[in-house]
Amino acid sequence: MAQGFLASLDKNLEVLSAGTVPGSYVNPNAIKVMNEIGIDISNNYPKSVDIYLDQPFDFVITVCDGAKEACPAFVGKVKTRLHIGFEDPTDATGTPEEVLNVFRKVRDEIVRDFTDFYNNFIKSKK
């Protein structure tokens, strides 16, 4: 969700996303809640962070929940490292609507925090 949102803010950004334990598909709830705000992530697919570890980046932003996931150390050249953490909505339990509401909550936190990131680190530097 973070990749889709950040990429939607600026078409000139190259935004990559990967996980330490990627699933086999993008969660349908993530696709649904992003579609609700006009962002289509249905063509995305999970990738392993291992394919990016030795590449240079302007920013590496970890979004893992901290205690639940191991955030890898990048060995490539990274200008700025940030952590903007969110709970993993795939851990949500309850009715389908309750689970969807957790995805919406995390999506809204992503929108808030990545808008701040974009305004403070990218837009202000242009």
C-alpha atoms as a PDB file:
ATOM      1  CA  MET A   1       0.000   0.000   0.000  1.00  0.00           C
ATOM      2  CA  ALA A   2       2.836   2.396   0.839  1.00  0.00           C
ATOM      3  CA  GLN A   3       4.478   1.866  -2.547  1.00  0.00           C
ATOM      4  CA  GLY A   4       1.227   2.493  -4.382  1.00  0.00           C
ATOM      5  CA  PHE A   5       0.456   5.638  -2.433  1.00  0.00           C
ATOM      6  CA  LEU A   6       3.945   7.151  -2.653  1.00  0.00           C
ATOM      7  CA  ALA A   7       4.126   6.451  -6.381  1.00  0.00           C
ATOM      8  CA  SER A   8       0.755   8.178  -6.814  1.00  0.00           C
ATOM      9  CA  LEU A   9       2.110  11.400  -5.306  1.00  0.00           C
ATOM     10  CA  ASP A  10       4.781  11.944  -7.946  1.00  0.00           C
ATOM     11  CA  LYS A  11       5.021  10.117 -11.267  1.00  0.00           C
ATOM     12  CA  ASN A  12       8.742  11.022 -11.430  1.00  0.00           C
ATOM     13  CA  LEU A  13       9.574   8.875  -8.407  1.00  0.00           C
ATOM     14  CA  GLU A  14      10.816   5.339  -8.788  1.00  0.00           C
ATOM     15  CA  VAL A  15       9.257   3.558  -5.840  1.00  0.00           C
ATOM     16  CA  LEU A  16      10.179  -0.049  -5.134  1.00  0.00           C
ATOM     17  CA  SER A  17       8.764  -2.330  -2.494  1.00  0.00           C
ATOM     18  CA  ALA A  18       9.834  -5.655  -1.058  1.00  0.00           C
ATOM     19  CA  GLY A  19       9.354  -7.755   2.026  1.00  0.00           C
ATOM     20  CA  THR A  20      11.433  -9.976   4.230  1.00  0.00           C
ATOM     21  CA  VAL A  21       8.877 -12.773   3.825  1.00  0.00           C
ATOM     22  CA  PRO A  22       6.868 -11.863   0.731  1.00  0.00           C
ATOM     23  CA  GLY A  23       3.569 -13.562   0.097  1.00  0.00           C
ATOM     24  CA  SER A  24       2.577 -15.108  -3.195  1.00  0.00           C
ATOM     25  CA  TYR A  25       0.073 -12.359  -4.077  1.00  0.00           C
ATOM     26  CA  VAL A  26      -1.052  -8.882  -3.020  1.00  0.00           C
ATOM     27  CA  ASN A  27      -3.705  -9.164  -0.344  1.00  0.00           C
ATOM     28  CA  PRO A  28      -7.166  -8.571  -1.866  1.00  0.00           C
ATOM     29  CA  ASN A  29      -8.090  -6.331   1.080  1.00  0.00           C
ATOM     30  CA  ALA A  30      -5.115  -4.071   0.305  1.00  0.00           C
ATOM     31  CA  ILE A  31      -6.201  -3.877  -3.329  1.00  0.00           C
ATOM     32  CA  LYS A  32      -9.772  -3.063  -2.278  1.00  0.00           C
ATOM     33  CA  VAL A  33      -8.946  -0.281   0.188  1.00  0.00           C
ATOM     34  CA  MET A  34      -6.446   1.320  -2.183  1.00  0.00           C
ATOM     35  CA  ASN A  35      -9.057   1.254  -4.964  1.00  0.00           C
ATOM     36  CA  GLU A  36     -11.349   3.146  -2.583  1.00  0.00           C
ATOM     37  CA  ILE A  37      -8.945   6.112  -2.829  1.00  0.00           C
ATOM     38  CA  GLY A  38      -8.359   5.732  -6.561  1.00  0.00           C
ATOM     39  CA  ILE A  39      -5.060   3.843  -6.499  1.00  0.00           C
ATOM     40  CA  ASP A  40      -4.819   0.537  -8.376  1.00  0.00           C
ATOM     41  CA  ILE A  41      -2.228  -1.854  -6.946  1.00  0.00           C
ATOM     42  CA  SER A  42      -3.758  -4.973  -8.479  1.00  0.00           C
ATOM     43  CA  ASN A  43      -0.857  -5.436 -10.911  1.00  0.00           C
ATOM     44  CA  ASN A  44       1.754  -5.322  -8.143  1.00  0.00           C
ATOM     45  CA  TYR A  45       3.298  -8.503  -6.845  1.00  0.00           C
ATOM     46  CA  PRO A  46       5.306  -9.310  -3.717  1.00  0.00           C
ATOM     47  CA  LYS A  47       9.095  -9.345  -4.057  1.00  0.00           C
ATOM     48  CA  SER A  48      11.859 -10.390  -1.706  1.00  0.00           C
ATOM     49  CA  VAL A  49      13.985  -7.642  -0.218  1.00  0.00           C
ATOM     50  CA  ASP A  50      17.017  -9.775  -1.120  1.00  0.00           C
ATOM     51  CA  ILE A  51      16.866  -8.613  -4.748  1.00  0.00           C
ATOM     52  CA  TYR A  52      17.522  -5.012  -3.665  1.00  0.00           C
ATOM     53  CA  LEU A  53      20.040  -5.357  -0.824  1.00  0.00           C
ATOM     54  CA  ASP A  54      23.126  -4.430  -2.848  1.00  0.00           C
ATOM     55  CA  GLN A  55      21.576  -1.568  -4.866  1.00  0.00           C
ATOM     56  CA  PRO A  56      22.051   2.145  -4.164  1.00  0.00           C
ATOM     57  CA  PHE A  57      19.023   4.149  -3.003  1.00  0.00           C
ATOM     58  CA  ASP A  58      18.247   7.746  -2.110  1.00  0.00           C
ATOM     59  CA  PHE A  59      15.866   6.484   0.580  1.00  0.00           C
ATOM     60  CA  VAL A  60      15.276   3.154   2.242  1.00  0.00           C
ATOM     61  CA  ILE A  61      12.132   3.252   4.317  1.00  0.00           C
ATOM     62  CA  THR A  62      11.242   0.313   6.500  1.00  0.00           C
ATOM     63  CA  VAL A  63       7.564   0.023   7.313  1.00  0.00           C
ATOM     64  CA  CYS A  64       7.640  -3.154   9.395  1.00  0.00           C
ATOM     65  CA  ASP A  65       5.893  -3.299  12.722  1.00  0.00           C
ATOM     66  CA  GLY A  66       9.183  -3.485  14.620  1.00  0.00           C
ATOM     67  CA  ALA A  67       8.769  -6.301  17.100  1.00  0.00           C
ATOM     68  CA  LYS A  68       6.973  -8.601  14.677  1.00  0.00           C
ATOM     69  CA  GLU A  69       9.334  -8.402  11.712  1.00  0.00           C
ATOM     70  CA  ALA A  70      13.057  -8.185  11.140  1.00  0.00           C
ATOM     71  CA  CYS A  71      13.950  -5.113   9.141  1.00  0.00           C
ATOM     72  CA  PRO A  72      16.984  -5.987   7.030  1.00  0.00           C
ATOM     73  CA  ALA A  73      20.168  -3.975   6.864  1.00  0.00           C
ATOM     74  CA  PHE A  74      20.882  -2.667   3.392  1.00  0.00           C
ATOM     75  CA  VAL A  75      24.467  -3.124   2.326  1.00  0.00           C
ATOM     76  CA  GLY A  76      24.255  -0.880  -0.721  1.00  0.00           C
ATOM     77  CA  LYS A  77      24.714   2.854  -0.798  1.00  0.00           C
ATOM     78  CA  VAL A  78      21.760   4.479   0.957  1.00  0.00           C
ATOM     79  CA  LYS A  79      21.622   8.250   1.350  1.00  0.00           C
ATOM     80  CA  THR A  80      18.804   8.312   3.917  1.00  0.00           C
ATOM     81  CA  ARG A  81      17.358   5.521   6.046  1.00  0.00           C
ATOM     82  CA  LEU A  82      13.990   5.977   7.709  1.00  0.00           C
ATOM     83  CA  HIS A  83      11.562   3.851   9.630  1.00  0.00           C
ATOM     84  CA  ILE A  84       7.859   4.649   9.286  1.00  0.00           C
ATOM     85  CA  GLY A  85       6.186   1.725  11.004  1.00  0.00           C
ATOM     86  CA  PHE A  86       2.673   0.389  10.669  1.00  0.00           C
ATOM     87  CA  GLU A  87       0.866  -2.600  12.110  1.00  0.00           C
ATOM     88  CA  ASP A  88       0.525  -5.478   9.669  1.00  0.00           C
ATOM     89  CA  PRO A  89      -3.150  -5.479   8.650  1.00  0.00           C
ATOM     90  CA  THR A  90      -2.899  -9.105   7.550  1.00  0.00           C
ATOM     91  CA  ASP A  91      -2.774  -9.970  11.266  1.00  0.00           C
ATOM     92  CA  ALA A  92      -6.278  -8.538  11.767  1.00  0.00           C
ATOM     93  CA  THR A  93      -9.009 -10.847  13.002  1.00  0.00           C
ATOM     94  CA  GLY A  94     -12.773 -10.530  13.181  1.00  0.00           C
ATOM     95  CA  THR A  95     -15.559 -10.284  10.671  1.00  0.00           C
ATOM     96  CA  PRO A  96     -14.662  -9.493   7.059  1.00  0.00           C
ATOM     97  CA  GLU A  97     -15.791  -5.883   7.637  1.00  0.00           C
ATOM     98  CA  GLU A  98     -13.715  -5.569  10.827  1.00  0.00           C
ATOM     99  CA  VAL A  99     -10.647  -6.855   8.977  1.00  0.00           C
ATOM    100  CA  LEU A 100     -11.320  -4.464   6.105  1.00  0.00           C
ATOM    101  CA  ASN A 101     -11.538  -1.598   8.587  1.00  0.00           C
ATOM    102  CA  VAL A 102      -8.069  -2.472   9.893  1.00  0.00           C
ATOM    103  CA  PHE A 103      -6.771  -2.282   6.308  1.00  0.00           C
ATOM    104  CA  ARG A 104      -8.491   1.107   5.945  1.00  0.00           C
ATOM    105  CA  LYS A 105      -6.937   2.342   9.203  1.00  0.00           C
ATOM    106  CA  VAL A 106      -3.450   1.311   8.097  1.00  0.00           C
ATOM    107  CA  ARG A 107      -4.058   2.786   4.625  1.00  0.00           C
ATOM    108  CA  ASP A 108      -5.060   6.094   6.188  1.00  0.00           C
ATOM    109  CA  GLU A 109      -1.949   6.066   8.399  1.00  0.00           C
ATOM    110  CA  ILE A 110       0.163   5.390   5.303  1.00  0.00           C
ATOM    111  CA  VAL A 111      -1.485   8.297   3.486  1.00  0.00           C
ATOM    112  CA  ARG A 112      -0.827  10.616   6.441  1.00  0.00           C
ATOM    113  CA  ASP A 113       2.750   9.552   7.141  1.00  0.00           C
ATOM    114  CA  PHE A 114       3.908   9.233   3.534  1.00  0.00           C
ATOM    115  CA  THR A 115       2.366  12.590   2.650  1.00  0.00           C
ATOM    116  CA  ASP A 116       4.479  14.066   5.461  1.00  0.00           C
ATOM    117  CA  PHE A 117       7.539  12.173   4.207  1.00  0.00           C
ATOM    118  CA  TYR A 118       6.997  13.391   0.641  1.00  0.00           C
ATOM    119  CA  ASN A 119       6.459  17.007   1.691  1.00  0.00           C
ATOM    120  CA  ASN A 120       9.454  17.084   4.062  1.00  0.00           C
ATOM    121  CA  PHE A 121      12.023  15.028   2.158  1.00  0.00           C
ATOM    122  CA  ILE A 122      11.168  15.232  -1.526  1.00  0.00           C
ATOM    123  CA  LYS A 123       8.855  18.099  -2.448  1.00  0.00           C
ATOM    124  CA  SER A 124      10.691  20.621  -0.248  1.00  0.00           C
ATOM    125  CA  LYS A 125      14.005  19.721  -1.979  1.00  0.00           C
ATOM    126  CA  LYS A 126      12.750  20.290  -5.528  1.00  0.00           C
END
